Amino acid sequence: MTAIEARLLQRLKQLPPSRVAEVVDFVEFLAAREERAAAAARLKEAITRIDDLGLAPFSEDEIEAEVQAVRAAHPKNG
């Protein structure tokens, strides 16, 4: 355990349960923000790779045809 982890644990033990719950919520918020930032970075990298391929963009008609094909292959139940 690092010194900062030990310090945080010591301080957490001094807090009432309601404050510990707030700390947990905040840590989860920070973790989620980091996960979103990492996902955004991966998406940006993927888009850059796609752009580097130099492919022509899909037309609206091609997109519509693809959507219709997927809908036909997976009809809604009910």
N, C-alpha and C. Protein backbone atom coordinates (compact mmCIF):
# COMPACT_ATOMS: atom_id res chain seq x y z
N MET A 1 0.86 -1.18 0.00
CA MET A 1 0.00 0.00 0.00
C MET A 1 0.90 1.24 0.00
N THR A 2 0.57 2.17 -0.84
CA THR A 2 1.35 3.41 -0.91
C THR A 2 1.00 4.32 0.25
N ALA A 3 1.82 5.34 0.45
CA ALA A 3 1.59 6.28 1.53
C ALA A 3 0.26 7.02 1.34
N ILE A 4 -0.05 7.37 0.10
CA ILE A 4 -1.30 8.09 -0.14
C ILE A 4 -2.51 7.19 0.10
N GLU A 5 -2.40 5.91 -0.26
CA GLU A 5 -3.49 4.99 0.00
C GLU A 5 -3.71 4.82 1.50
N ALA A 6 -2.62 4.71 2.23
CA ALA A 6 -2.72 4.57 3.68
C ALA A 6 -3.34 5.82 4.29
N ARG A 7 -2.94 6.97 3.80
CA ARG A 7 -3.49 8.24 4.31
C ARG A 7 -4.99 8.34 4.02
N LEU A 8 -5.37 7.98 2.80
CA LEU A 8 -6.80 8.01 2.46
C LEU A 8 -7.60 7.04 3.31
N LEU A 9 -7.08 5.85 3.49
CA LEU A 9 -7.78 4.86 4.31
C LEU A 9 -7.93 5.35 5.75
N GLN A 10 -6.89 5.94 6.27
CA GLN A 10 -6.95 6.48 7.64
C GLN A 10 -8.03 7.57 7.74
N ARG A 11 -8.05 8.45 6.77
CA ARG A 11 -9.04 9.53 6.78
C ARG A 11 -10.46 8.98 6.60
N LEU A 12 -10.63 7.98 5.74
CA LEU A 12 -11.94 7.37 5.54
C LEU A 12 -12.48 6.76 6.82
N LYS A 13 -11.61 6.14 7.57
CA LYS A 13 -12.02 5.51 8.82
C LYS A 13 -12.52 6.54 9.84
N GLN A 14 -12.15 7.78 9.67
CA GLN A 14 -12.56 8.84 10.60
C GLN A 14 -13.91 9.46 10.22
N LEU A 15 -14.39 9.15 9.03
CA LEU A 15 -15.63 9.75 8.55
C LEU A 15 -16.85 8.93 8.97
N PRO A 16 -17.99 9.62 9.16
CA PRO A 16 -19.23 8.89 9.41
C PRO A 16 -19.68 8.18 8.13
N PRO A 17 -20.48 7.13 8.26
CA PRO A 17 -20.90 6.35 7.08
C PRO A 17 -21.51 7.18 5.95
N SER A 18 -22.28 8.21 6.28
CA SER A 18 -22.89 9.01 5.22
C SER A 18 -21.83 9.73 4.39
N ARG A 19 -20.76 10.17 5.03
CA ARG A 19 -19.68 10.84 4.30
C ARG A 19 -18.86 9.84 3.49
N VAL A 20 -18.69 8.63 4.00
CA VAL A 20 -17.99 7.59 3.25
C VAL A 20 -18.77 7.30 1.97
N ALA A 21 -20.08 7.27 2.07
CA ALA A 21 -20.92 7.04 0.89
C ALA A 21 -20.71 8.15 -0.14
N GLU A 22 -20.57 9.38 0.32
CA GLU A 22 -20.30 10.50 -0.60
C GLU A 22 -18.95 10.33 -1.28
N VAL A 23 -17.97 9.89 -0.51
CA VAL A 23 -16.63 9.67 -1.07
C VAL A 23 -16.70 8.58 -2.14
N VAL A 24 -17.41 7.50 -1.85
CA VAL A 24 -17.56 6.41 -2.83
C VAL A 24 -18.23 6.94 -4.09
N ASP A 25 -19.29 7.72 -3.95
CA ASP A 25 -19.97 8.30 -5.11
C ASP A 25 -19.01 9.16 -5.93
N PHE A 26 -18.21 9.97 -5.25
CA PHE A 26 -17.27 10.86 -5.94
C PHE A 26 -16.20 10.05 -6.68
N VAL A 27 -15.67 9.03 -6.03
CA VAL A 27 -14.65 8.19 -6.66
C VAL A 27 -15.24 7.49 -7.89
N GLU A 28 -16.47 7.01 -7.78
CA GLU A 28 -17.12 6.37 -8.92
C GLU A 28 -17.35 7.37 -10.06
N PHE A 29 -17.69 8.60 -9.70
CA PHE A 29 -17.85 9.65 -10.70
C PHE A 29 -16.52 9.89 -11.43
N LEU A 30 -15.44 10.00 -10.67
CA LEU A 30 -14.13 10.22 -11.28
C LEU A 30 -13.72 9.06 -12.18
N ALA A 31 -13.98 7.84 -11.73
CA ALA A 31 -13.64 6.66 -12.53
C ALA A 31 -14.45 6.65 -13.83
N ALA A 32 -15.73 6.98 -13.75
CA ALA A 32 -16.57 7.02 -14.95
C ALA A 32 -16.08 8.09 -15.92
N ARG A 33 -15.66 9.23 -15.38
CA ARG A 33 -15.14 10.30 -16.24
C ARG A 33 -13.87 9.85 -16.95
N GLU A 34 -13.01 9.14 -16.25
CA GLU A 34 -11.79 8.61 -16.88
C GLU A 34 -12.13 7.59 -17.96
N GLU A 35 -13.11 6.74 -17.68
CA GLU A 35 -13.53 5.74 -18.67
C GLU A 35 -14.09 6.41 -19.91
N ARG A 36 -14.90 7.46 -19.73
CA ARG A 36 -15.45 8.18 -20.88
C ARG A 36 -14.33 8.85 -21.68
N ALA A 37 -13.35 9.42 -20.99
CA ALA A 37 -12.24 10.07 -21.68
C ALA A 37 -11.44 9.05 -22.48
N ALA A 38 -11.22 7.88 -21.90
CA ALA A 38 -10.48 6.83 -22.61
C ALA A 38 -11.27 6.35 -23.82
N ALA A 39 -12.58 6.20 -23.67
CA ALA A 39 -13.43 5.77 -24.79
C ALA A 39 -13.41 6.83 -25.89
N ALA A 40 -13.45 8.09 -25.52
CA ALA A 40 -13.41 9.16 -26.52
C ALA A 40 -12.08 9.15 -27.27
N ALA A 41 -11.00 8.89 -26.56
CA ALA A 41 -9.68 8.82 -27.21
C ALA A 41 -9.62 7.65 -28.18
N ARG A 42 -10.18 6.50 -27.78
CA ARG A 42 -10.20 5.35 -28.69
C ARG A 42 -11.06 5.64 -29.92
N LEU A 43 -12.19 6.30 -29.72
CA LEU A 43 -13.06 6.64 -30.84
C LEU A 43 -12.36 7.60 -31.80
N LYS A 44 -11.68 8.59 -31.24
CA LYS A 44 -10.95 9.55 -32.08
C LYS A 44 -9.89 8.83 -32.89
N GLU A 45 -9.18 7.90 -32.27
CA GLU A 45 -8.15 7.14 -32.97
C GLU A 45 -8.77 6.30 -34.09
N ALA A 46 -9.90 5.67 -33.81
CA ALA A 46 -10.57 4.86 -34.82
C ALA A 46 -11.03 5.71 -36.00
N ILE A 47 -11.58 6.87 -35.70
CA ILE A 47 -12.04 7.77 -36.77
C ILE A 47 -10.87 8.22 -37.62
N THR A 48 -9.75 8.51 -36.98
CA THR A 48 -8.56 8.91 -37.73
C THR A 48 -8.11 7.79 -38.66
N ARG A 49 -8.12 6.55 -38.16
CA ARG A 49 -7.73 5.42 -39.00
C ARG A 49 -8.68 5.26 -40.19
N ILE A 50 -9.98 5.42 -39.93
CA ILE A 50 -10.96 5.31 -41.02
C ILE A 50 -10.73 6.42 -42.04
N ASP A 51 -10.51 7.64 -41.57
CA ASP A 51 -10.26 8.75 -42.48
C ASP A 51 -9.01 8.50 -43.31
N ASP A 52 -8.00 7.89 -42.69
CA ASP A 52 -6.74 7.62 -43.40
C ASP A 52 -6.92 6.61 -44.53
N LEU A 53 -7.99 5.82 -44.51
CA LEU A 53 -8.24 4.86 -45.57
C LEU A 53 -8.64 5.54 -46.88
N GLY A 54 -9.13 6.77 -46.78
CA GLY A 54 -9.50 7.52 -47.97
C GLY A 54 -10.72 6.98 -48.70
N LEU A 55 -11.60 6.33 -47.98
CA LEU A 55 -12.80 5.77 -48.61
C LEU A 55 -13.82 6.87 -48.88
N ALA A 56 -14.57 6.67 -49.93
CA ALA A 56 -15.65 7.62 -50.24
C ALA A 56 -16.75 7.46 -49.20
N PRO A 57 -17.34 8.57 -48.78
CA PRO A 57 -18.42 8.47 -47.78
C PRO A 57 -19.66 7.81 -48.38
N PHE A 58 -20.47 7.21 -47.51
CA PHE A 58 -21.72 6.61 -47.95
C PHE A 58 -22.71 7.71 -48.32
N SER A 59 -23.50 7.44 -49.32
CA SER A 59 -24.57 8.38 -49.67
C SER A 59 -25.75 8.13 -48.74
N GLU A 60 -26.68 9.06 -48.72
CA GLU A 60 -27.89 8.88 -47.90
C GLU A 60 -28.68 7.66 -48.37
N ASP A 61 -28.71 7.43 -49.68
CA ASP A 61 -29.42 6.26 -50.22
C ASP A 61 -28.76 4.96 -49.76
N GLU A 62 -27.42 4.92 -49.74
CA GLU A 62 -26.72 3.72 -49.29
C GLU A 62 -26.99 3.46 -47.80
N ILE A 63 -27.00 4.51 -47.03
CA ILE A 63 -27.28 4.37 -45.60
C ILE A 63 -28.70 3.86 -45.39
N GLU A 64 -29.64 4.44 -46.10
CA GLU A 64 -31.04 4.02 -45.98
C GLU A 64 -31.21 2.55 -46.39
N ALA A 65 -30.53 2.14 -47.46
CA ALA A 65 -30.62 0.75 -47.91
C ALA A 65 -30.05 -0.19 -46.85
N GLU A 66 -28.98 0.19 -46.20
CA GLU A 66 -28.38 -0.64 -45.15
C GLU A 66 -29.32 -0.74 -43.95
N VAL A 67 -29.92 0.38 -43.57
CA VAL A 67 -30.86 0.37 -42.44
C VAL A 67 -32.04 -0.55 -42.76
N GLN A 68 -32.57 -0.42 -43.95
CA GLN A 68 -33.71 -1.26 -44.34
C GLN A 68 -33.32 -2.74 -44.36
N ALA A 69 -32.12 -3.06 -44.81
CA ALA A 69 -31.67 -4.46 -44.86
C ALA A 69 -31.56 -5.03 -43.45
N VAL A 70 -31.03 -4.24 -42.52
CA VAL A 70 -30.92 -4.71 -41.13
C VAL A 70 -32.30 -4.88 -40.52
N ARG A 71 -33.19 -3.94 -40.77
CA ARG A 71 -34.56 -4.06 -40.24
C ARG A 71 -35.26 -5.30 -40.80
N ALA A 72 -35.05 -5.58 -42.07
CA ALA A 72 -35.68 -6.75 -42.69
C ALA A 72 -35.11 -8.04 -42.10
N ALA A 73 -33.84 -8.04 -41.78
CA ALA A 73 -33.19 -9.24 -41.23
C ALA A 73 -33.54 -9.46 -39.76
N HIS A 74 -33.95 -8.39 -39.08
CA HIS A 74 -34.25 -8.47 -37.65
C HIS A 74 -35.59 -7.81 -37.34
N PRO A 75 -36.68 -8.41 -37.80
CA PRO A 75 -37.99 -7.79 -37.55
C PRO A 75 -38.31 -7.77 -36.04
N LYS A 76 -39.05 -6.76 -35.66
CA LYS A 76 -39.45 -6.64 -34.24
C LYS A 76 -40.42 -7.75 -33.90
N ASN A 77 -40.30 -8.23 -32.68
CA ASN A 77 -41.25 -9.22 -32.17
C ASN A 77 -42.45 -8.50 -31.57
N GLY A 78 -43.61 -9.01 -31.81
CA GLY A 78 -44.77 -8.46 -31.13
C GLY A 78 -45.64 -7.72 -32.00
